[in-house]
Structures are given as C-alpha cells and as structure tokens.
Amino acid sequence: MAQRVPLELGQRERTEIKLGGFGGQGIILAGMILGRAATVYAKRNAVMSQSFGPESRGGACMAEIIIADGEIAYPRPMAADVVVMMSQEAYGTYARSRPQHSLLIVDEDLVKLDEELEKGRQVLKVPATRLAEGLGRRMVANIAMLGFLCGSTNVVSVAATREAVMTSVPKGTEELNLKAFDAGHEHARKIFSEAKGDNP
C-alpha cells in the first residue's frame, strides 16, 4: 500500500489522539510528552487521560490526549483523529471501534491488522521497536513512535516535542531518547518522500 503524504493535524484547532500498547512500553510517558510538547513548548491547551487493564505489566493500556487552541470542556476523545497502537491486544481493545476517518499508526512487528476491517481506511506502519533495537535499547520504541507520529501528522512540531522529550525522560537517557525520536521522524520523512515520488 502506498503511503499518503503527511496529515497537517497541527493546523487544526483541535486534535484527538489515542496511544495504546501494553504495560511497560512507556505508553503513558509518551502521552505525557506529547501533552507537555503541546502546552509548555507549543503554547496550546492539552489534557490527557489514561486507562489500564487489570495487569500492571503486559496488559493493554492507553493514553488519550486532546490538543486544542481553545478550552477543552471534556477530557476524553469523542472521535479520535489519530490512533497509535503498539500491541496486538491494544489494537483489538481500542482500535477496532475507532471512527472511520481516524488515521491508524501501528508498530508493524507487533500488530497484525484485520485486513477486512482496515480495507479503505488510512493505516501507516512503522517498525518502531526495530528502530529502537537498532539503537541498542528496545525500551525507547515509544519515543521512536512519537518521532514517527510527529513526522507523519505534524500534530505537534518536531522542535517542541524534542524539547519535551529532553525534559521528560530519566536523567542520563536524553541523548538515547532523542536518537530514538529522530529515527522515527526520519522514517516518516523517508516513506512520505517515496510516496510523493510515486504520486507527483
């Protein structure tokens, strides 16, 4: 499937995002970073809510973020614009009932899509965990996914999100996390550059 050009979600007055995966992947941290990037560094409004399965590690978990220029009256997404899934269980739990217009982004090595369900819908695949493993630390796959999210949607600027990564990750891991973010962002640039070449 040819990749489409990036969505300019950062230009919308309001964007709703869902991030899902399993406990231990850093899904909630990724949501916090996205919210901090929007509020502290991009000077917009944002709220985040989170939910977990019964297991603290291994079960499905989700972070929901709303970014807006104006007041956010209700903290939960009503019709997510972007749904990011990093585990099969999260995909089955949170993604299958998403709105028809939603962009779905998945870790291609961890999520097997329901091809019938996804027919005609916009889906992007990224090897986020593989990118992190290439840096020697699988645990930064969540940050690689953030880089891809920013590169493919511009939901928050790269500069703002990099600043948020720097101030949110554990001390001593800043350089590694920035490398993971840049790897995800570069992957987005690469596939969309190829898509533009296929569809001038």
N, C-alpha and C. Protein backbone atom coordinates (compact mmCIF):
# COMPACT_ATOMS: atom_id res chain seq x y z
N MET A 1 0.85 -1.19 0.00
CA MET A 1 0.00 0.00 0.00
C MET A 1 0.88 1.24 0.00
N ALA A 2 0.66 2.14 -0.93
CA ALA A 2 1.43 3.39 -0.99
C ALA A 2 1.08 4.28 0.20
N GLN A 3 2.10 4.86 0.80
CA GLN A 3 1.87 5.76 1.92
C GLN A 3 1.37 7.11 1.42
N ARG A 4 0.48 7.72 2.13
CA ARG A 4 -0.01 9.04 1.77
C ARG A 4 0.90 10.12 2.31
N VAL A 5 0.75 11.33 1.78
CA VAL A 5 1.55 12.44 2.29
C VAL A 5 1.11 12.76 3.71
N PRO A 6 1.95 13.42 4.51
CA PRO A 6 1.62 13.67 5.92
C PRO A 6 0.33 14.47 6.09
N LEU A 7 -0.35 14.19 7.18
CA LEU A 7 -1.53 14.96 7.55
C LEU A 7 -1.08 16.15 8.39
N GLU A 8 -1.60 17.32 8.09
CA GLU A 8 -1.21 18.51 8.85
C GLU A 8 -2.18 18.73 10.01
N LEU A 9 -2.18 17.80 10.96
CA LEU A 9 -3.10 17.90 12.08
C LEU A 9 -2.74 19.07 13.00
N GLY A 10 -1.49 19.49 12.97
CA GLY A 10 -1.09 20.62 13.81
C GLY A 10 -1.77 21.92 13.41
N GLN A 11 -2.36 21.96 12.23
CA GLN A 11 -3.04 23.17 11.78
C GLN A 11 -4.51 23.20 12.20
N ARG A 12 -4.99 22.12 12.77
CA ARG A 12 -6.39 22.09 13.22
C ARG A 12 -6.53 22.75 14.59
N GLU A 13 -7.73 23.27 14.86
CA GLU A 13 -7.97 23.89 16.16
C GLU A 13 -8.02 22.86 17.28
N ARG A 14 -8.35 21.63 16.94
CA ARG A 14 -8.48 20.57 17.95
C ARG A 14 -8.09 19.23 17.32
N THR A 15 -7.28 18.45 18.03
CA THR A 15 -6.88 17.14 17.57
C THR A 15 -6.99 16.15 18.73
N GLU A 16 -7.56 14.99 18.46
CA GLU A 16 -7.72 13.95 19.47
C GLU A 16 -6.86 12.75 19.08
N ILE A 17 -6.10 12.25 20.06
CA ILE A 17 -5.13 11.18 19.80
C ILE A 17 -5.28 10.10 20.86
N LYS A 18 -5.19 8.84 20.43
CA LYS A 18 -5.16 7.72 21.35
C LYS A 18 -3.86 6.95 21.12
N LEU A 19 -3.15 6.65 22.20
CA LEU A 19 -1.94 5.84 22.15
C LEU A 19 -2.20 4.57 22.95
N GLY A 20 -1.99 3.42 22.34
CA GLY A 20 -2.25 2.16 23.03
C GLY A 20 -1.09 1.19 22.91
N GLY A 21 -0.94 0.35 23.92
CA GLY A 21 0.10 -0.67 23.91
C GLY A 21 -0.05 -1.55 25.13
N PHE A 22 1.03 -2.14 25.58
CA PHE A 22 0.95 -2.94 26.81
C PHE A 22 1.75 -2.28 27.91
N GLY A 23 1.39 -2.58 29.14
CA GLY A 23 2.08 -2.02 30.29
C GLY A 23 3.57 -2.33 30.24
N GLY A 24 4.39 -1.31 30.42
CA GLY A 24 5.83 -1.49 30.36
C GLY A 24 6.44 -0.93 29.09
N GLN A 25 5.61 -0.55 28.11
CA GLN A 25 6.12 0.03 26.86
C GLN A 25 6.34 1.53 26.94
N GLY A 26 5.86 2.16 27.99
CA GLY A 26 6.03 3.61 28.09
C GLY A 26 4.95 4.39 27.36
N ILE A 27 3.78 3.80 27.23
CA ILE A 27 2.68 4.46 26.52
C ILE A 27 2.24 5.73 27.25
N ILE A 28 2.11 5.64 28.56
CA ILE A 28 1.67 6.79 29.34
C ILE A 28 2.72 7.90 29.29
N LEU A 29 3.98 7.54 29.37
CA LEU A 29 5.05 8.54 29.25
C LEU A 29 4.98 9.23 27.89
N ALA A 30 4.75 8.47 26.84
CA ALA A 30 4.64 9.06 25.50
C ALA A 30 3.50 10.07 25.45
N GLY A 31 2.37 9.73 26.08
CA GLY A 31 1.25 10.66 26.12
C GLY A 31 1.58 11.91 26.90
N MET A 32 2.30 11.75 28.01
CA MET A 32 2.70 12.91 28.81
C MET A 32 3.65 13.81 28.03
N ILE A 33 4.56 13.21 27.30
CA ILE A 33 5.50 14.00 26.49
C ILE A 33 4.75 14.78 25.42
N LEU A 34 3.80 14.14 24.77
CA LEU A 34 3.02 14.82 23.73
C LEU A 34 2.25 16.00 24.32
N GLY A 35 1.63 15.77 25.47
CA GLY A 35 0.90 16.85 26.13
C GLY A 35 1.80 17.98 26.57
N ARG A 36 2.98 17.64 27.09
CA ARG A 36 3.93 18.68 27.52
C ARG A 36 4.44 19.47 26.31
N ALA A 37 4.69 18.76 25.21
CA ALA A 37 5.14 19.46 23.99
C ALA A 37 4.11 20.47 23.54
N ALA A 38 2.82 20.08 23.61
CA ALA A 38 1.75 20.96 23.16
C ALA A 38 1.57 22.17 24.08
N THR A 39 1.63 21.93 25.40
CA THR A 39 1.32 23.01 26.34
C THR A 39 2.52 23.88 26.66
N VAL A 40 3.60 23.27 27.09
CA VAL A 40 4.76 24.04 27.56
C VAL A 40 5.53 24.66 26.41
N TYR A 41 5.70 23.90 25.33
CA TYR A 41 6.59 24.36 24.26
C TYR A 41 5.86 24.87 23.01
N ALA A 42 4.61 24.46 22.80
CA ALA A 42 3.86 24.99 21.66
C ALA A 42 2.78 25.97 22.10
N LYS A 43 2.63 26.17 23.43
CA LYS A 43 1.72 27.17 24.00
C LYS A 43 0.27 26.95 23.58
N ARG A 44 -0.15 25.68 23.54
CA ARG A 44 -1.54 25.34 23.28
C ARG A 44 -2.14 24.71 24.53
N ASN A 45 -3.39 24.29 24.47
CA ASN A 45 -4.02 23.59 25.58
C ASN A 45 -4.00 22.09 25.30
N ALA A 46 -3.92 21.29 26.36
CA ALA A 46 -3.95 19.84 26.21
C ALA A 46 -4.42 19.20 27.50
N VAL A 47 -5.08 18.07 27.37
CA VAL A 47 -5.43 17.23 28.51
C VAL A 47 -5.09 15.79 28.16
N MET A 48 -4.80 14.99 29.19
CA MET A 48 -4.52 13.58 28.98
C MET A 48 -5.27 12.75 30.01
N SER A 49 -5.83 11.64 29.56
CA SER A 49 -6.41 10.65 30.47
C SER A 49 -5.76 9.32 30.16
N GLN A 50 -5.84 8.39 31.09
CA GLN A 50 -5.17 7.11 30.90
C GLN A 50 -6.02 5.98 31.45
N SER A 51 -5.82 4.80 30.89
CA SER A 51 -6.54 3.63 31.37
C SER A 51 -5.64 2.41 31.25
N PHE A 52 -5.87 1.44 32.13
CA PHE A 52 -5.05 0.24 32.18
C PHE A 52 -5.96 -0.99 32.25
N GLY A 53 -5.42 -2.11 31.76
CA GLY A 53 -6.07 -3.39 32.00
C GLY A 53 -5.79 -3.83 33.43
N PRO A 54 -6.27 -5.00 33.83
CA PRO A 54 -6.09 -5.45 35.21
C PRO A 54 -4.63 -5.75 35.56
N GLU A 55 -3.79 -6.00 34.53
CA GLU A 55 -2.39 -6.30 34.80
C GLU A 55 -1.59 -5.00 34.77
N SER A 56 -0.60 -4.88 35.67
CA SER A 56 0.22 -3.67 35.68
C SER A 56 1.24 -3.70 34.55
N ARG A 57 1.70 -4.90 34.16
CA ARG A 57 2.61 -5.03 33.03
C ARG A 57 2.08 -6.12 32.11
N GLY A 58 2.12 -5.86 30.82
CA GLY A 58 1.68 -6.87 29.87
C GLY A 58 0.27 -6.70 29.38
N GLY A 59 -0.62 -6.12 30.20
CA GLY A 59 -1.99 -5.89 29.77
C GLY A 59 -2.10 -4.62 28.95
N ALA A 60 -3.20 -4.47 28.24
CA ALA A 60 -3.41 -3.30 27.40
C ALA A 60 -3.52 -2.04 28.24
N CYS A 61 -2.93 -0.97 27.76
CA CYS A 61 -3.07 0.33 28.41
C CYS A 61 -3.21 1.39 27.33
N MET A 62 -3.75 2.54 27.70
CA MET A 62 -3.99 3.58 26.72
C MET A 62 -3.84 4.96 27.34
N ALA A 63 -3.29 5.88 26.55
CA ALA A 63 -3.26 7.30 26.90
C ALA A 63 -4.07 8.04 25.84
N GLU A 64 -4.94 8.92 26.29
CA GLU A 64 -5.77 9.72 25.39
C GLU A 64 -5.41 11.18 25.56
N ILE A 65 -5.09 11.85 24.46
CA ILE A 65 -4.65 13.24 24.52
C ILE A 65 -5.53 14.09 23.61
N ILE A 66 -5.95 15.22 24.12
CA ILE A 66 -6.65 16.22 23.31
C ILE A 66 -5.80 17.47 23.29
N ILE A 67 -5.52 17.98 22.11
CA ILE A 67 -4.75 19.21 21.94
C ILE A 67 -5.64 20.22 21.23
N ALA A 68 -5.74 21.42 21.77
CA ALA A 68 -6.66 22.41 21.19
C ALA A 68 -6.14 23.82 21.41
N ASP A 69 -6.64 24.72 20.58
CA ASP A 69 -6.31 26.13 20.75
C ASP A 69 -7.20 26.77 21.81
N GLY A 70 -8.44 26.31 21.90
CA GLY A 70 -9.38 26.88 22.86
C GLY A 70 -9.57 25.99 24.07
N GLU A 71 -10.63 26.25 24.81
CA GLU A 71 -10.94 25.50 26.02
C GLU A 71 -11.31 24.06 25.69
N ILE A 72 -10.90 23.13 26.54
CA ILE A 72 -11.24 21.72 26.39
C ILE A 72 -12.23 21.38 27.50
N ALA A 73 -13.49 21.28 27.14
CA ALA A 73 -14.55 21.13 28.14
C ALA A 73 -14.66 19.71 28.67
N TYR A 74 -14.31 18.72 27.83
CA TYR A 74 -14.44 17.31 28.24
C TYR A 74 -13.12 16.61 27.94
N PRO A 75 -12.55 15.88 28.91
CA PRO A 75 -11.18 15.39 28.76
C PRO A 75 -10.99 14.10 27.97
N ARG A 76 -12.06 13.51 27.46
CA ARG A 76 -11.93 12.25 26.73
C ARG A 76 -12.24 12.46 25.26
N PRO A 77 -11.47 11.85 24.36
CA PRO A 77 -11.76 11.99 22.93
C PRO A 77 -13.13 11.43 22.56
N MET A 78 -13.83 12.14 21.72
CA MET A 78 -15.13 11.69 21.23
C MET A 78 -15.00 11.01 19.87
N ALA A 79 -14.05 11.46 19.06
CA ALA A 79 -13.83 10.89 17.73
C ALA A 79 -12.36 11.08 17.38
N ALA A 80 -11.53 10.13 17.80
CA ALA A 80 -10.08 10.28 17.67
C ALA A 80 -9.65 10.51 16.22
N ASP A 81 -8.75 11.48 16.03
CA ASP A 81 -8.19 11.75 14.71
C ASP A 81 -7.05 10.80 14.39
N VAL A 82 -6.28 10.44 15.42
CA VAL A 82 -5.15 9.53 15.26
C VAL A 82 -5.20 8.47 16.35
N VAL A 83 -5.01 7.21 15.96
CA VAL A 83 -4.96 6.10 16.90
C VAL A 83 -3.63 5.38 16.67
N VAL A 84 -2.79 5.33 17.70
CA VAL A 84 -1.47 4.71 17.60
C VAL A 84 -1.47 3.46 18.46
N MET A 85 -1.17 2.30 17.86
CA MET A 85 -1.22 1.05 18.58
C MET A 85 0.12 0.32 18.51
N MET A 86 0.61 -0.11 19.69
CA MET A 86 1.91 -0.77 19.77
C MET A 86 1.82 -2.18 20.33
N SER A 87 0.62 -2.75 20.40
CA SER A 87 0.49 -4.16 20.78
C SER A 87 -0.78 -4.72 20.17
N GLN A 88 -0.80 -6.04 20.00
CA GLN A 88 -1.95 -6.69 19.39
C GLN A 88 -3.19 -6.57 20.28
N GLU A 89 -3.00 -6.72 21.58
CA GLU A 89 -4.14 -6.63 22.49
C GLU A 89 -4.74 -5.23 22.48
N ALA A 90 -3.88 -4.21 22.46
CA ALA A 90 -4.38 -2.84 22.41
C ALA A 90 -5.14 -2.58 21.12
N TYR A 91 -4.63 -3.11 20.02
CA TYR A 91 -5.31 -2.96 18.73
C TYR A 91 -6.72 -3.56 18.81
N GLY A 92 -6.82 -4.77 19.36
CA GLY A 92 -8.12 -5.40 19.46
C GLY A 92 -9.05 -4.70 20.43
N THR A 93 -8.48 -4.11 21.48
CA THR A 93 -9.29 -3.48 22.53
C THR A 93 -9.70 -2.06 22.17
N TYR A 94 -8.78 -1.29 21.62
CA TYR A 94 -9.01 0.14 21.46
C TYR A 94 -9.18 0.63 20.02
N ALA A 95 -8.65 -0.11 19.05
CA ALA A 95 -8.59 0.44 17.69
C ALA A 95 -9.74 0.00 16.79
N ARG A 96 -10.29 -1.15 17.04
CA ARG A 96 -11.27 -1.71 16.11
C ARG A 96 -12.54 -0.86 16.01
N SER A 97 -12.89 -0.17 17.08
CA SER A 97 -14.12 0.62 17.09
C SER A 97 -13.86 2.10 16.82
N ARG A 98 -12.67 2.44 16.33
CA ARG A 98 -12.36 3.85 16.09
C ARG A 98 -13.20 4.40 14.94
N PRO A 99 -13.34 5.74 14.87
CA PRO A 99 -14.11 6.35 13.79
C PRO A 99 -13.50 6.03 12.42
N GLN A 100 -14.34 6.03 11.41
CA GLN A 100 -13.90 5.69 10.06
C GLN A 100 -12.80 6.62 9.55
N HIS A 101 -12.83 7.89 9.97
CA HIS A 101 -11.87 8.86 9.46
C HIS A 101 -10.51 8.79 10.14
N SER A 102 -10.41 8.07 11.25
CA SER A 102 -9.17 8.06 12.04
C SER A 102 -8.00 7.50 11.24
N LEU A 103 -6.85 8.13 11.44
CA LEU A 103 -5.60 7.57 10.94
C LEU A 103 -5.10 6.57 11.98
N LEU A 104 -4.79 5.35 11.54
CA LEU A 104 -4.23 4.33 12.43
C LEU A 104 -2.75 4.19 12.14
N ILE A 105 -1.93 4.26 13.20
CA ILE A 105 -0.49 4.03 13.09
C ILE A 105 -0.17 2.83 13.98
N VAL A 106 0.52 1.84 13.43
CA VAL A 106 0.83 0.64 14.21
C VAL A 106 2.31 0.31 14.12
N ASP A 107 2.81 -0.35 15.18
CA ASP A 107 4.14 -0.95 15.14
C ASP A 107 3.99 -2.22 14.30
N GLU A 108 4.61 -2.22 13.13
CA GLU A 108 4.34 -3.28 12.16
C GLU A 108 4.83 -4.66 12.61
N ASP A 109 5.74 -4.72 13.57
CA ASP A 109 6.23 -6.01 14.04
C ASP A 109 5.43 -6.56 15.21
N LEU A 110 4.58 -5.72 15.81
CA LEU A 110 3.84 -6.14 17.00
C LEU A 110 2.33 -6.21 16.78
N VAL A 111 1.85 -5.65 15.68
CA VAL A 111 0.41 -5.60 15.44
C VAL A 111 0.10 -6.20 14.07
N LYS A 112 -0.72 -7.24 14.06
CA LYS A 112 -1.22 -7.82 12.82
C LYS A 112 -2.61 -7.25 12.56
N LEU A 113 -2.77 -6.59 11.43
CA LEU A 113 -4.02 -5.91 11.13
C LEU A 113 -5.10 -6.88 10.68
N ASP A 114 -6.34 -6.52 10.97
CA ASP A 114 -7.50 -7.19 10.41
C ASP A 114 -7.72 -6.57 9.03
N GLU A 115 -7.27 -7.25 7.98
CA GLU A 115 -7.27 -6.66 6.64
C GLU A 115 -8.67 -6.30 6.16
N GLU A 116 -9.64 -7.11 6.52
CA GLU A 116 -11.01 -6.83 6.10
C GLU A 116 -11.52 -5.56 6.78
N LEU A 117 -11.26 -5.44 8.07
CA LEU A 117 -11.68 -4.27 8.82
C LEU A 117 -11.01 -3.00 8.30
N GLU A 118 -9.74 -3.09 7.94
CA GLU A 118 -8.97 -1.90 7.56
C GLU A 118 -9.09 -1.54 6.09
N LYS A 119 -9.83 -2.31 5.33
CA LYS A 119 -9.95 -2.05 3.90
C LYS A 119 -10.52 -0.65 3.66
N GLY A 120 -9.80 0.16 2.88
CA GLY A 120 -10.26 1.50 2.55
C GLY A 120 -9.98 2.54 3.63
N ARG A 121 -9.36 2.16 4.72
CA ARG A 121 -9.06 3.09 5.80
C ARG A 121 -7.59 3.45 5.79
N GLN A 122 -7.26 4.59 6.38
CA GLN A 122 -5.88 5.05 6.34
C GLN A 122 -5.07 4.43 7.47
N VAL A 123 -4.04 3.69 7.08
CA VAL A 123 -3.18 2.99 8.04
C VAL A 123 -1.72 3.22 7.67
N LEU A 124 -0.91 3.54 8.65
CA LEU A 124 0.53 3.66 8.47
C LEU A 124 1.22 2.65 9.38
N LYS A 125 2.27 2.02 8.84
CA LYS A 125 3.02 1.03 9.61
C LYS A 125 4.45 1.54 9.80
N VAL A 126 4.96 1.34 11.00
CA VAL A 126 6.33 1.78 11.31
C VAL A 126 7.01 0.71 12.18
N PRO A 127 8.27 0.39 11.90
CA PRO A 127 8.99 -0.60 12.72
C PRO A 127 9.59 0.06 13.96
N ALA A 128 8.75 0.62 14.81
CA ALA A 128 9.24 1.40 15.95
C ALA A 128 10.14 0.58 16.87
N THR A 129 9.73 -0.64 17.17
CA THR A 129 10.54 -1.47 18.07
C THR A 129 11.86 -1.84 17.43
N ARG A 130 11.84 -2.12 16.13
CA ARG A 130 13.07 -2.43 15.41
C ARG A 130 14.02 -1.23 15.38
N LEU A 131 13.45 -0.04 15.19
CA LEU A 131 14.28 1.17 15.20
C LEU A 131 14.97 1.33 16.57
N ALA A 132 14.21 1.06 17.63
CA ALA A 132 14.77 1.17 18.97
C ALA A 132 15.85 0.11 19.20
N GLU A 133 15.60 -1.09 18.73
CA GLU A 133 16.59 -2.16 18.88
C GLU A 133 17.88 -1.82 18.13
N GLY A 134 17.75 -1.10 17.02
CA GLY A 134 18.92 -0.67 16.27
C GLY A 134 19.79 0.29 17.06
N LEU A 135 19.19 0.94 18.05
CA LEU A 135 19.93 1.85 18.93
C LEU A 135 20.42 1.13 20.19
N GLY A 136 20.08 -0.15 20.29
CA GLY A 136 20.55 -0.95 21.42
C GLY A 136 19.63 -0.99 22.61
N ARG A 137 18.46 -0.32 22.54
CA ARG A 137 17.55 -0.30 23.68
C ARG A 137 16.10 -0.37 23.21
N ARG A 138 15.52 -1.53 23.32
CA ARG A 138 14.13 -1.74 22.90
C ARG A 138 13.17 -0.81 23.65
N MET A 139 13.56 -0.39 24.85
CA MET A 139 12.66 0.38 25.71
C MET A 139 12.36 1.78 25.16
N VAL A 140 13.10 2.25 24.15
CA VAL A 140 12.81 3.58 23.60
C VAL A 140 11.93 3.50 22.35
N ALA A 141 11.28 2.37 22.14
CA ALA A 141 10.37 2.23 21.00
C ALA A 141 9.23 3.24 21.07
N ASN A 142 8.79 3.57 22.29
CA ASN A 142 7.71 4.56 22.43
C ASN A 142 8.14 5.92 21.91
N ILE A 143 9.41 6.27 22.11
CA ILE A 143 9.90 7.57 21.65
C ILE A 143 10.11 7.55 20.14
N ALA A 144 10.55 6.42 19.60
CA ALA A 144 10.63 6.29 18.15
C ALA A 144 9.26 6.45 17.52
N MET A 145 8.24 5.89 18.16
CA MET A 145 6.88 6.04 17.66
C MET A 145 6.43 7.50 17.71
N LEU A 146 6.81 8.21 18.78
CA LEU A 146 6.49 9.64 18.86
C LEU A 146 7.12 10.41 17.70
N GLY A 147 8.36 10.07 17.37
CA GLY A 147 9.02 10.73 16.26
C GLY A 147 8.28 10.50 14.95
N PHE A 148 7.82 9.26 14.78
CA PHE A 148 7.06 8.95 13.56
C PHE A 148 5.72 9.68 13.56
N LEU A 149 5.06 9.73 14.70
CA LEU A 149 3.78 10.44 14.80
C LEU A 149 3.94 11.90 14.41
N CYS A 150 4.97 12.56 14.94
CA CYS A 150 5.19 13.97 14.60
C CYS A 150 5.54 14.13 13.13
N GLY A 151 6.36 13.23 12.61
CA GLY A 151 6.77 13.33 11.22
C GLY A 151 5.66 13.06 10.23
N SER A 152 4.68 12.25 10.62
CA SER A 152 3.62 11.87 9.68
C SER A 152 2.36 12.71 9.83
N THR A 153 2.23 13.46 10.92
CA THR A 153 1.00 14.24 11.13
C THR A 153 1.25 15.69 11.47
N ASN A 154 2.46 16.02 11.98
CA ASN A 154 2.76 17.37 12.46
C ASN A 154 1.77 17.81 13.54
N VAL A 155 1.28 16.84 14.33
CA VAL A 155 0.31 17.16 15.37
C VAL A 155 0.91 18.13 16.39
N VAL A 156 2.21 17.98 16.66
CA VAL A 156 2.99 18.96 17.43
C VAL A 156 4.32 19.07 16.70
N SER A 157 4.91 20.22 16.71
CA SER A 157 6.15 20.42 15.95
C SER A 157 7.27 19.54 16.48
N VAL A 158 8.19 19.22 15.60
CA VAL A 158 9.35 18.42 15.98
C VAL A 158 10.15 19.13 17.08
N ALA A 159 10.35 20.42 16.92
CA ALA A 159 11.15 21.17 17.90
C ALA A 159 10.51 21.12 19.29
N ALA A 160 9.20 21.32 19.36
CA ALA A 160 8.51 21.30 20.65
C ALA A 160 8.57 19.91 21.28
N THR A 161 8.40 18.87 20.47
CA THR A 161 8.39 17.51 21.01
C THR A 161 9.78 17.09 21.46
N ARG A 162 10.81 17.49 20.73
CA ARG A 162 12.18 17.17 21.15
C ARG A 162 12.48 17.83 22.50
N GLU A 163 12.03 19.06 22.67
CA GLU A 163 12.22 19.74 23.96
C GLU A 163 11.50 18.98 25.08
N ALA A 164 10.29 18.52 24.79
CA ALA A 164 9.53 17.78 25.79
C ALA A 164 10.18 16.44 26.12
N VAL A 165 10.75 15.78 25.13
CA VAL A 165 11.49 14.54 25.38
C VAL A 165 12.65 14.82 26.33
N MET A 166 13.40 15.87 26.06
CA MET A 166 14.58 16.21 26.86
C MET A 166 14.23 16.42 28.33
N THR A 167 13.07 17.01 28.60
CA THR A 167 12.72 17.34 29.97
C THR A 167 11.83 16.30 30.65
N SER A 168 11.53 15.20 29.95
CA SER A 168 10.60 14.20 30.49
C SER A 168 11.23 12.84 30.76
N VAL A 169 12.29 12.51 30.05
CA VAL A 169 12.90 11.19 30.21
C VAL A 169 13.88 11.19 31.37
N PRO A 170 14.22 10.02 31.90
CA PRO A 170 15.15 9.95 33.03
C PRO A 170 16.50 10.58 32.70
N LYS A 171 17.07 11.22 33.70
CA LYS A 171 18.38 11.85 33.53
C LYS A 171 19.40 10.82 33.05
N GLY A 172 20.20 11.22 32.12
CA GLY A 172 21.22 10.33 31.57
C GLY A 172 20.79 9.58 30.33
N THR A 173 19.47 9.63 30.02
CA THR A 173 18.97 8.92 28.83
C THR A 173 18.53 9.89 27.74
N GLU A 174 18.78 11.17 27.94
CA GLU A 174 18.29 12.16 26.99
C GLU A 174 18.81 11.91 25.57
N GLU A 175 20.10 11.67 25.43
CA GLU A 175 20.69 11.50 24.10
C GLU A 175 20.11 10.27 23.40
N LEU A 176 19.99 9.18 24.12
CA LEU A 176 19.41 7.96 23.55
C LEU A 176 17.98 8.20 23.09
N ASN A 177 17.19 8.85 23.92
CA ASN A 177 15.80 9.10 23.57
C ASN A 177 15.66 10.04 22.38
N LEU A 178 16.52 11.04 22.31
CA LEU A 178 16.49 11.94 21.15
C LEU A 178 16.88 11.20 19.88
N LYS A 179 17.82 10.28 19.97
CA LYS A 179 18.18 9.46 18.81
C LYS A 179 16.99 8.61 18.36
N ALA A 180 16.26 8.07 19.34
CA ALA A 180 15.07 7.27 19.00
C ALA A 180 14.01 8.14 18.34
N PHE A 181 13.78 9.33 18.89
CA PHE A 181 12.81 10.25 18.29
C PHE A 181 13.21 10.59 16.86
N ASP A 182 14.48 10.91 16.66
CA ASP A 182 14.96 11.29 15.33
C ASP A 182 14.85 10.12 14.35
N ALA A 183 15.08 8.90 14.84
CA ALA A 183 14.97 7.72 13.97
C ALA A 183 13.54 7.54 13.49
N GLY A 184 12.58 7.72 14.39
CA GLY A 184 11.17 7.61 14.00
C GLY A 184 10.77 8.71 13.04
N HIS A 185 11.23 9.93 13.33
CA HIS A 185 10.90 11.07 12.47
C HIS A 185 11.51 10.88 11.08
N GLU A 186 12.74 10.42 11.02
CA GLU A 186 13.40 10.21 9.74
C GLU A 186 12.70 9.11 8.94
N HIS A 187 12.19 8.09 9.62
CA HIS A 187 11.46 7.03 8.91
C HIS A 187 10.20 7.60 8.27
N ALA A 188 9.52 8.49 8.98
CA ALA A 188 8.33 9.13 8.40
C ALA A 188 8.71 9.95 7.18
N ARG A 189 9.76 10.73 7.29
CA ARG A 189 10.20 11.56 6.16
C ARG A 189 10.55 10.68 4.96
N LYS A 190 11.18 9.56 5.22
CA LYS A 190 11.59 8.67 4.14
C LYS A 190 10.39 8.10 3.39
N ILE A 191 9.42 7.56 4.13
CA ILE A 191 8.31 6.92 3.43
C ILE A 191 7.42 7.94 2.73
N PHE A 192 7.30 9.14 3.27
CA PHE A 192 6.47 10.13 2.61
C PHE A 192 7.20 10.75 1.42
N SER A 193 8.51 10.81 1.49
CA SER A 193 9.27 11.26 0.33
C SER A 193 9.11 10.27 -0.82
N GLU A 194 9.12 8.98 -0.49
CA GLU A 194 8.92 7.95 -1.51
C GLU A 194 7.50 8.02 -2.07
N ALA A 195 6.52 8.30 -1.20
CA ALA A 195 5.13 8.39 -1.65
C ALA A 195 4.93 9.56 -2.60
N LYS A 196 5.57 10.68 -2.30
CA LYS A 196 5.47 11.84 -3.18
C LYS A 196 6.10 11.54 -4.54
N GLY A 197 7.19 10.75 -4.50
CA GLY A 197 7.83 10.38 -5.76
C GLY A 197 6.96 9.47 -6.60
N ASP A 198 6.16 8.63 -5.92
CA ASP A 198 5.25 7.72 -6.63
C ASP A 198 4.06 8.45 -7.18
N ASN A 199 3.68 9.58 -6.50
CA ASN A 199 2.48 10.28 -6.88
C ASN A 199 2.78 11.78 -7.06
N PRO A 200 3.48 12.15 -8.11
CA PRO A 200 3.88 13.55 -8.25
C PRO A 200 2.69 14.47 -8.40
